[in-house]
Amino acid sequence: MRTKASDEVLASTSLTATPSGNVPADLADEVHAVRDIVLHMIEESARHAGHLDIARELIDGQTGLGAR
């Protein structure tokens, strides 16, 4: 979820900066820069949005693409 605080942090931090917090051990090989964290958040958001879209389609039978 986007918040004012996260927008401010990203606006003032280089995507190539090293994360200043603790990186979980299971992600240590994957997370080397702020860019890696942002990409992970985008992937997670897309994944969850996709799951919700599938559930909605099962409920109402409509696909996500309507008339254009």
Protein backbone atom coordinates (compact mmCIF):
# COMPACT_ATOMS: atom_id res chain seq x y z
CA MET A 1 0.00 0.00 0.00
CA ARG A 2 1.32 3.41 -0.93
CA THR A 3 1.59 5.89 1.87
CA LYS A 4 2.91 9.41 2.16
CA ALA A 5 5.80 8.10 4.28
CA SER A 6 6.83 5.48 1.71
CA ASP A 7 6.58 8.05 -1.10
CA GLU A 8 8.87 10.40 0.88
CA VAL A 9 11.42 7.66 1.57
CA LEU A 10 11.54 6.57 -2.08
CA ALA A 11 11.76 10.19 -3.28
CA SER A 12 14.81 10.81 -1.10
CA THR A 13 16.57 7.44 -1.51
CA SER A 14 18.54 6.19 -4.48
CA LEU A 15 17.31 2.88 -5.88
CA THR A 16 20.93 1.71 -5.83
CA ALA A 17 21.30 2.44 -2.09
CA THR A 18 21.98 -0.44 0.27
CA PRO A 19 18.97 -1.16 2.51
CA SER A 20 19.49 0.29 5.98
CA GLY A 21 17.29 -2.22 7.82
CA ASN A 22 17.75 -5.89 8.51
CA VAL A 23 17.31 -8.15 5.51
CA PRO A 24 15.86 -11.57 6.42
CA ALA A 25 18.40 -14.36 6.03
CA ASP A 26 16.32 -16.14 3.38
CA LEU A 27 16.42 -13.00 1.19
CA ALA A 28 20.04 -12.01 1.80
CA ASP A 29 21.17 -13.42 -1.57
CA GLU A 30 18.44 -11.52 -3.44
CA VAL A 31 18.26 -8.11 -1.73
CA HIS A 32 21.28 -5.89 -2.35
CA ALA A 33 19.65 -2.51 -3.09
CA VAL A 34 16.47 -0.56 -2.47
CA ARG A 35 15.53 -1.41 -6.08
CA ASP A 36 15.27 -5.09 -5.08
CA ILE A 37 12.81 -4.24 -2.30
CA VAL A 38 10.68 -2.07 -4.59
CA LEU A 39 10.60 -4.82 -7.22
CA HIS A 40 9.57 -7.37 -4.58
CA MET A 41 6.70 -5.12 -3.46
CA ILE A 42 5.51 -4.69 -7.06
CA GLU A 43 5.62 -8.46 -7.60
CA GLU A 44 3.69 -9.14 -4.37
CA SER A 45 1.07 -6.51 -5.19
CA ALA A 46 0.56 -7.94 -8.69
CA ARG A 47 0.34 -11.47 -7.34
CA HIS A 48 -2.29 -10.60 -4.75
CA ALA A 49 -4.27 -8.45 -7.19
CA GLY A 50 -4.27 -11.41 -9.59
CA HIS A 51 -5.58 -13.72 -6.88
CA LEU A 52 -8.39 -11.30 -6.07
CA ASP A 53 -9.27 -10.98 -9.75
CA ILE A 54 -9.51 -14.78 -10.07
CA ALA A 55 -11.80 -14.96 -7.02
CA ARG A 56 -13.99 -12.18 -8.42
CA GLU A 57 -14.22 -13.92 -11.81
CA LEU A 58 -15.28 -17.15 -10.09
CA ILE A 59 -18.01 -15.26 -8.24
CA ASP A 60 -19.49 -13.17 -11.06
CA GLY A 61 -18.27 -15.00 -14.17
CA GLN A 62 -17.01 -11.77 -15.74
CA THR A 63 -13.47 -11.37 -17.04
CA GLY A 64 -11.43 -8.32 -16.10
CA LEU A 65 -11.45 -6.87 -19.62
CA GLY A 66 -14.64 -5.11 -20.54
CA ALA A 67 -15.62 -3.07 -23.56
CA ARG A 68 -12.95 -0.66 -24.72
